[in-house]
PDB file of N, CA and C in Angstrom:
ATOM      1  N   PRO A   1       1.575 -43.023   8.547  1.00  0.00           N
ATOM      2  CA  PRO A   1       0.729 -43.183   7.382  1.00  0.00           C
ATOM      3  C   PRO A   1       0.755 -44.615   6.858  1.00  0.00           C
ATOM      4  N   VAL A   2      -0.321 -44.980   6.256  1.00  0.00           N
ATOM      5  CA  VAL A   2      -0.450 -46.317   5.685  1.00  0.00           C
ATOM      6  C   VAL A   2       0.215 -46.370   4.306  1.00  0.00           C
ATOM      7  N   MET A   3       0.286 -45.234   3.635  1.00  0.00           N
ATOM      8  CA  MET A   3       0.789 -45.202   2.261  1.00  0.00           C
ATOM      9  C   MET A   3       1.641 -43.945   2.066  1.00  0.00           C
ATOM     10  N   ASP A   4       2.754 -44.086   1.348  1.00  0.00           N
ATOM     11  CA  ASP A   4       3.558 -42.905   1.074  1.00  0.00           C
ATOM     12  C   ASP A   4       3.000 -42.154  -0.137  1.00  0.00           C
ATOM     13  N   GLY A   5       3.477 -40.951  -0.352  1.00  0.00           N
ATOM     14  CA  GLY A   5       2.950 -40.107  -1.415  1.00  0.00           C
ATOM     15  C   GLY A   5       3.181 -40.651  -2.810  1.00  0.00           C
ATOM     16  N   ILE A   6       4.317 -41.289  -3.026  1.00  0.00           N
ATOM     17  CA  ILE A   6       4.600 -41.836  -4.354  1.00  0.00           C
ATOM     18  C   ILE A   6       3.641 -42.977  -4.680  1.00  0.00           C
ATOM     19  N   THR A   7       3.363 -43.826  -3.713  1.00  0.00           N
ATOM     20  CA  THR A   7       2.393 -44.900  -3.927  1.00  0.00           C
ATOM     21  C   THR A   7       1.015 -44.307  -4.186  1.00  0.00           C
ATOM     22  N   ALA A   8       0.648 -43.313  -3.394  1.00  0.00           N
ATOM     23  CA  ALA A   8      -0.675 -42.685  -3.552  1.00  0.00           C
ATOM     24  C   ALA A   8      -0.827 -42.049  -4.933  1.00  0.00           C
ATOM     25  N   VAL A   9       0.173 -41.303  -5.387  1.00  0.00           N
ATOM     26  CA  VAL A   9       0.043 -40.645  -6.688  1.00  0.00           C
ATOM     27  C   VAL A   9       0.056 -41.665  -7.824  1.00  0.00           C
ATOM     28  N   THR A  10       0.751 -42.763  -7.647  1.00  0.00           N
ATOM     29  CA  THR A  10       0.742 -43.823  -8.657  1.00  0.00           C
ATOM     30  C   THR A  10      -0.663 -44.398  -8.806  1.00  0.00           C
ATOM     31  N   ILE A  11      -1.337 -44.608  -7.704  1.00  0.00           N
ATOM     32  CA  ILE A  11      -2.714 -45.119  -7.729  1.00  0.00           C
ATOM     33  C   ILE A  11      -3.648 -44.080  -8.346  1.00  0.00           C
ATOM     34  N   ILE A  12      -3.495 -42.826  -7.941  1.00  0.00           N
ATOM     35  CA  ILE A  12      -4.343 -41.752  -8.481  1.00  0.00           C
ATOM     36  C   ILE A  12      -4.162 -41.648  -9.990  1.00  0.00           C
ATOM     37  N   ARG A  13      -2.939 -41.667 -10.455  1.00  0.00           N
ATOM     38  CA  ARG A  13      -2.667 -41.516 -11.893  1.00  0.00           C
ATOM     39  C   ARG A  13      -3.135 -42.719 -12.711  1.00  0.00           C
ATOM     40  N   SER A  14      -3.344 -43.861 -12.059  1.00  0.00           N
ATOM     41  CA  SER A  14      -3.819 -45.041 -12.785  1.00  0.00           C
ATOM     42  C   SER A  14      -5.339 -45.052 -12.953  1.00  0.00           C
ATOM     43  N   ASP A  15      -6.035 -44.147 -12.275  1.00  0.00           N
ATOM     44  CA  ASP A  15      -7.489 -44.064 -12.359  1.00  0.00           C
ATOM     45  C   ASP A  15      -7.869 -43.019 -13.414  1.00  0.00           C
ATOM     46  N   PRO A  16      -8.542 -43.418 -14.487  1.00  0.00           N
ATOM     47  CA  PRO A  16      -8.871 -42.471 -15.559  1.00  0.00           C
ATOM     48  C   PRO A  16      -9.678 -41.255 -15.086  1.00  0.00           C
ATOM     49  N   VAL A  17     -10.502 -41.427 -14.070  1.00  0.00           N
ATOM     50  CA  VAL A  17     -11.318 -40.314 -13.564  1.00  0.00           C
ATOM     51  C   VAL A  17     -10.449 -39.304 -12.808  1.00  0.00           C
ATOM     52  N   LEU A  18      -9.446 -39.782 -12.111  1.00  0.00           N
ATOM     53  CA  LEU A  18      -8.609 -38.916 -11.276  1.00  0.00           C
ATOM     54  C   LEU A  18      -7.296 -38.511 -11.929  1.00  0.00           C
ATOM     55  N   LYS A  19      -6.996 -39.090 -13.062  1.00  0.00           N
ATOM     56  CA  LYS A  19      -5.684 -38.958 -13.692  1.00  0.00           C
ATOM     57  C   LYS A  19      -5.193 -37.520 -13.849  1.00  0.00           C
ATOM     58  N   LYS A  20      -6.099 -36.600 -14.134  1.00  0.00           N
ATOM     59  CA  LYS A  20      -5.672 -35.233 -14.446  1.00  0.00           C
ATOM     60  C   LYS A  20      -5.792 -34.246 -13.288  1.00  0.00           C
ATOM     61  N   ILE A  21      -6.216 -34.694 -12.107  1.00  0.00           N
ATOM     62  CA  ILE A  21      -6.313 -33.747 -10.999  1.00  0.00           C
ATOM     63  C   ILE A  21      -4.910 -33.371 -10.511  1.00  0.00           C
ATOM     64  N   PRO A  22      -4.741 -32.147 -10.064  1.00  0.00           N
ATOM     65  CA  PRO A  22      -3.434 -31.755  -9.532  1.00  0.00           C
ATOM     66  C   PRO A  22      -3.147 -32.481  -8.213  1.00  0.00           C
ATOM     67  N   VAL A  23      -1.938 -32.971  -8.083  1.00  0.00           N
ATOM     68  CA  VAL A  23      -1.486 -33.594  -6.844  1.00  0.00           C
ATOM     69  C   VAL A  23      -0.190 -32.883  -6.454  1.00  0.00           C
ATOM     70  N   ILE A  24      -0.203 -32.270  -5.299  1.00  0.00           N
ATOM     71  CA  ILE A  24       0.937 -31.481  -4.848  1.00  0.00           C
ATOM     72  C   ILE A  24       1.585 -32.166  -3.658  1.00  0.00           C
ATOM     73  N   ALA A  25       2.868 -32.442  -3.792  1.00  0.00           N
ATOM     74  CA  ALA A  25       3.627 -33.066  -2.704  1.00  0.00           C
ATOM     75  C   ALA A  25       4.004 -32.006  -1.677  1.00  0.00           C
ATOM     76  N   MET A  26       3.909 -32.389  -0.421  1.00  0.00           N
ATOM     77  CA  MET A  26       4.348 -31.534   0.667  1.00  0.00           C
ATOM     78  C   MET A  26       5.493 -32.284   1.340  1.00  0.00           C
ATOM     79  N   THR A  27       6.695 -31.721   1.284  1.00  0.00           N
ATOM     80  CA  THR A  27       7.854 -32.458   1.751  1.00  0.00           C
ATOM     81  C   THR A  27       8.840 -31.582   2.515  1.00  0.00           C
ATOM     82  N   ALA A  28       9.512 -32.210   3.452  1.00  0.00           N
ATOM     83  CA  ALA A  28      10.611 -31.536   4.140  1.00  0.00           C
ATOM     84  C   ALA A  28      11.925 -31.904   3.447  1.00  0.00           C
ATOM     85  N   GLY A  29      11.920 -32.986   2.708  1.00  0.00           N
ATOM     86  CA  GLY A  29      13.110 -33.439   1.997  1.00  0.00           C
ATOM     87  C   GLY A  29      13.178 -32.805   0.631  1.00  0.00           C
ATOM     88  N   ALA A  30      13.788 -31.638   0.547  1.00  0.00           N
ATOM     89  CA  ALA A  30      13.733 -30.870  -0.689  1.00  0.00           C
ATOM     90  C   ALA A  30      15.000 -30.989  -1.529  1.00  0.00           C
ATOM     91  N   THR A  31      15.642 -32.127  -1.511  1.00  0.00           N
ATOM     92  CA  THR A  31      16.812 -32.279  -2.376  1.00  0.00           C
ATOM     93  C   THR A  31      16.350 -32.431  -3.818  1.00  0.00           C
ATOM     94  N   LYS A  32      17.217 -32.122  -4.746  1.00  0.00           N
ATOM     95  CA  LYS A  32      16.869 -32.240  -6.166  1.00  0.00           C
ATOM     96  C   LYS A  32      16.491 -33.675  -6.503  1.00  0.00           C
ATOM     97  N   THR A  33      17.162 -34.637  -5.937  1.00  0.00           N
ATOM     98  CA  THR A  33      16.862 -36.046  -6.195  1.00  0.00           C
ATOM     99  C   THR A  33      15.442 -36.396  -5.763  1.00  0.00           C
ATOM    100  N   ILE A  34      15.051 -35.955  -4.579  1.00  0.00           N
ATOM    101  CA  ILE A  34      13.704 -36.247  -4.073  1.00  0.00           C
ATOM    102  C   ILE A  34      12.653 -35.528  -4.912  1.00  0.00           C
ATOM    103  N   ILE A  35      12.891 -34.274  -5.232  1.00  0.00           N
ATOM    104  CA  ILE A  35      11.935 -33.523  -6.047  1.00  0.00           C
ATOM    105  C   ILE A  35      11.772 -34.175  -7.420  1.00  0.00           C
ATOM    106  N   ASP A  36      12.877 -34.558  -8.037  1.00  0.00           N
ATOM    107  CA  ASP A  36      12.812 -35.240  -9.337  1.00  0.00           C
ATOM    108  C   ASP A  36      12.026 -36.539  -9.238  1.00  0.00           C
ATOM    109  N   GLU A  37      12.217 -37.273  -8.148  1.00  0.00           N
ATOM    110  CA  GLU A  37      11.489 -38.531  -7.936  1.00  0.00           C
ATOM    111  C   GLU A  37       9.989 -38.285  -7.788  1.00  0.00           C
ATOM    112  N   LEU A  38       9.618 -37.256  -7.047  1.00  0.00           N
ATOM    113  CA  LEU A  38       8.205 -36.930  -6.857  1.00  0.00           C
ATOM    114  C   LEU A  38       7.542 -36.544  -8.179  1.00  0.00           C
ATOM    115  N   LEU A  39       8.206 -35.700  -8.939  1.00  0.00           N
ATOM    116  CA  LEU A  39       7.644 -35.261 -10.219  1.00  0.00           C
ATOM    117  C   LEU A  39       7.587 -36.414 -11.219  1.00  0.00           C
ATOM    118  N   ALA A  40       8.596 -37.263 -11.227  1.00  0.00           N
ATOM    119  CA  ALA A  40       8.604 -38.425 -12.128  1.00  0.00           C
ATOM    120  C   ALA A  40       7.502 -39.409 -11.772  1.00  0.00           C
ATOM    121  N   ALA A  41       7.152 -39.474 -10.498  1.00  0.00           N
ATOM    122  CA  ALA A  41       6.099 -40.391 -10.054  1.00  0.00           C
ATOM    123  C   ALA A  41       4.711 -39.896 -10.443  1.00  0.00           C
ATOM    124  N   GLY A  42       4.595 -38.605 -10.793  1.00  0.00           N
ATOM    125  CA  GLY A  42       3.297 -38.091 -11.218  1.00  0.00           C
ATOM    126  C   GLY A  42       2.776 -36.913 -10.429  1.00  0.00           C
ATOM    127  N   MET A  43       3.550 -36.434  -9.465  1.00  0.00           N
ATOM    128  CA  MET A  43       3.120 -35.238  -8.741  1.00  0.00           C
ATOM    129  C   MET A  43       3.074 -34.065  -9.718  1.00  0.00           C
ATOM    130  N   THR A  44       2.109 -33.202  -9.554  1.00  0.00           N
ATOM    131  CA  THR A  44       1.977 -32.030 -10.400  1.00  0.00           C
ATOM    132  C   THR A  44       2.999 -30.974 -10.006  1.00  0.00           C
ATOM    133  N   ASP A  45       3.233 -30.860  -8.709  1.00  0.00           N
ATOM    134  CA  ASP A  45       4.128 -29.840  -8.179  1.00  0.00           C
ATOM    135  C   ASP A  45       4.487 -30.246  -6.761  1.00  0.00           C
ATOM    136  N   TYR A  46       5.223 -29.390  -6.068  1.00  0.00           N
ATOM    137  CA  TYR A  46       5.610 -29.685  -4.690  1.00  0.00           C
ATOM    138  C   TYR A  46       5.752 -28.382  -3.925  1.00  0.00           C
ATOM    139  N   ILE A  47       5.698 -28.505  -2.609  1.00  0.00           N
ATOM    140  CA  ILE A  47       5.996 -27.389  -1.714  1.00  0.00           C
ATOM    141  C   ILE A  47       6.837 -27.962  -0.588  1.00  0.00           C
ATOM    142  N   THR A  48       7.838 -27.201  -0.188  1.00  0.00           N
ATOM    143  CA  THR A  48       8.725 -27.692   0.863  1.00  0.00           C
ATOM    144  C   THR A  48       8.385 -27.045   2.201  1.00  0.00           C
ATOM    145  N   LYS A  49       8.515 -27.849   3.237  1.00  0.00           N
ATOM    146  CA  LYS A  49       8.285 -27.367   4.596  1.00  0.00           C
ATOM    147  C   LYS A  49       9.587 -26.792   5.125  1.00  0.00           C
ATOM    148  N   PRO A  50       9.519 -25.749   5.902  1.00  0.00           N
ATOM    149  CA  PRO A  50       8.329 -24.999   6.282  1.00  0.00           C
ATOM    150  C   PRO A  50       7.910 -24.051   5.149  1.00  0.00           C
ATOM    151  N   PHE A  51       6.636 -23.779   5.078  1.00  0.00           N
ATOM    152  CA  PHE A  51       6.116 -22.832   4.105  1.00  0.00           C
ATOM    153  C   PHE A  51       5.118 -21.935   4.809  1.00  0.00           C
ATOM    154  N   ASN A  52       4.834 -20.807   4.183  1.00  0.00           N
ATOM    155  CA  ASN A  52       3.864 -19.898   4.794  1.00  0.00           C
ATOM    156  C   ASN A  52       2.564 -19.913   4.003  1.00  0.00           C
ATOM    157  N   LYS A  53       1.578 -19.269   4.556  1.00  0.00           N
ATOM    158  CA  LYS A  53       0.238 -19.246   3.961  1.00  0.00           C
ATOM    159  C   LYS A  53       0.261 -18.694   2.530  1.00  0.00           C
ATOM    160  N   ASN A  54       1.008 -17.642   2.306  1.00  0.00           N
ATOM    161  CA  ASN A  54       1.059 -17.033   0.974  1.00  0.00           C
ATOM    162  C   ASN A  54       1.678 -17.973  -0.052  1.00  0.00           C
ATOM    163  N   GLN A  55       2.720 -18.692   0.326  1.00  0.00           N
ATOM    164  CA  GLN A  55       3.341 -19.652  -0.594  1.00  0.00           C
ATOM    165  C   GLN A  55       2.347 -20.749  -0.972  1.00  0.00           C
ATOM    166  N   LEU A  56       1.605 -21.246   0.014  1.00  0.00           N
ATOM    167  CA  LEU A  56       0.622 -22.289  -0.248  1.00  0.00           C
ATOM    168  C   LEU A  56      -0.508 -21.760  -1.133  1.00  0.00           C
ATOM    169  N   GLU A  57      -1.007 -20.580  -0.822  1.00  0.00           N
ATOM    170  CA  GLU A  57      -2.069 -19.988  -1.644  1.00  0.00           C
ATOM    171  C   GLU A  57      -1.610 -19.794  -3.086  1.00  0.00           C
ATOM    172  N   ASP A  58      -0.395 -19.292  -3.274  1.00  0.00           N
ATOM    173  CA  ASP A  58       0.137 -19.082  -4.624  1.00  0.00           C
ATOM    174  C   ASP A  58       0.221 -20.402  -5.392  1.00  0.00           C
ATOM    175  N   LEU A  59       0.674 -21.437  -4.733  1.00  0.00           N
ATOM    176  CA  LEU A  59       0.800 -22.742  -5.383  1.00  0.00           C
ATOM    177  C   LEU A  59      -0.572 -23.306  -5.747  1.00  0.00           C
ATOM    178  N   LEU A  60      -1.522 -23.195  -4.845  1.00  0.00           N
ATOM    179  CA  LEU A  60      -2.864 -23.700  -5.137  1.00  0.00           C
ATOM    180  C   LEU A  60      -3.515 -22.922  -6.275  1.00  0.00           C
ATOM    181  N   LEU A  61      -3.344 -21.616  -6.281  1.00  0.00           N
ATOM    182  CA  LEU A  61      -3.909 -20.797  -7.366  1.00  0.00           C
ATOM    183  C   LEU A  61      -3.238 -21.117  -8.704  1.00  0.00           C
ATOM    184  N   LYS A  62      -1.960 -21.419  -8.671  1.00  0.00           N
ATOM    185  CA  LYS A  62      -1.234 -21.778  -9.889  1.00  0.00           C
ATOM    186  C   LYS A  62      -1.864 -22.985 -10.596  1.00  0.00           C
ATOM    187  N   HIS A  63      -2.394 -23.915  -9.804  1.00  0.00           N
ATOM    188  CA  HIS A  63      -2.931 -25.155 -10.372  1.00  0.00           C
ATOM    189  C   HIS A  63      -4.452 -25.207 -10.386  1.00  0.00           C
ATOM    190  N   HIS A  64      -5.099 -24.130  -9.959  1.00  0.00           N
ATOM    191  CA  HIS A  64      -6.573 -24.087  -9.941  1.00  0.00           C
ATOM    192  C   HIS A  64      -7.096 -23.828 -11.339  1.00  0.00           C
ATOM    193  N   LYS A  65      -8.007 -24.676 -11.771  1.00  0.00           N
ATOM    194  CA  LYS A  65      -8.649 -24.488 -13.071  1.00  0.00           C
ATOM    195  C   LYS A  65     -10.156 -24.451 -12.853  1.00  0.00           C
ATOM    196  N   PRO A  66     -10.733 -23.239 -12.932  1.00  0.00           N
ATOM    197  CA  PRO A  66     -12.167 -23.105 -12.666  1.00  0.00           C
ATOM    198  C   PRO A  66     -13.036 -23.813 -13.679  1.00  0.00           C
TER     199      PRO A  66
END
């Protein structure tokens, strides 16, 4: 990848048009330190790999605002 997730979410959060969209981190590194870093950077939530279809659907529905 050209850009890591923390850099990407920092850019997204700096744009007034995109600031409030949900951004969900997908990570294999699920330590508390990494999760805290992702959330502090502006991620809305996270999902750890491996995950199943139901876990992903539940997470997406949790943050869906019609």
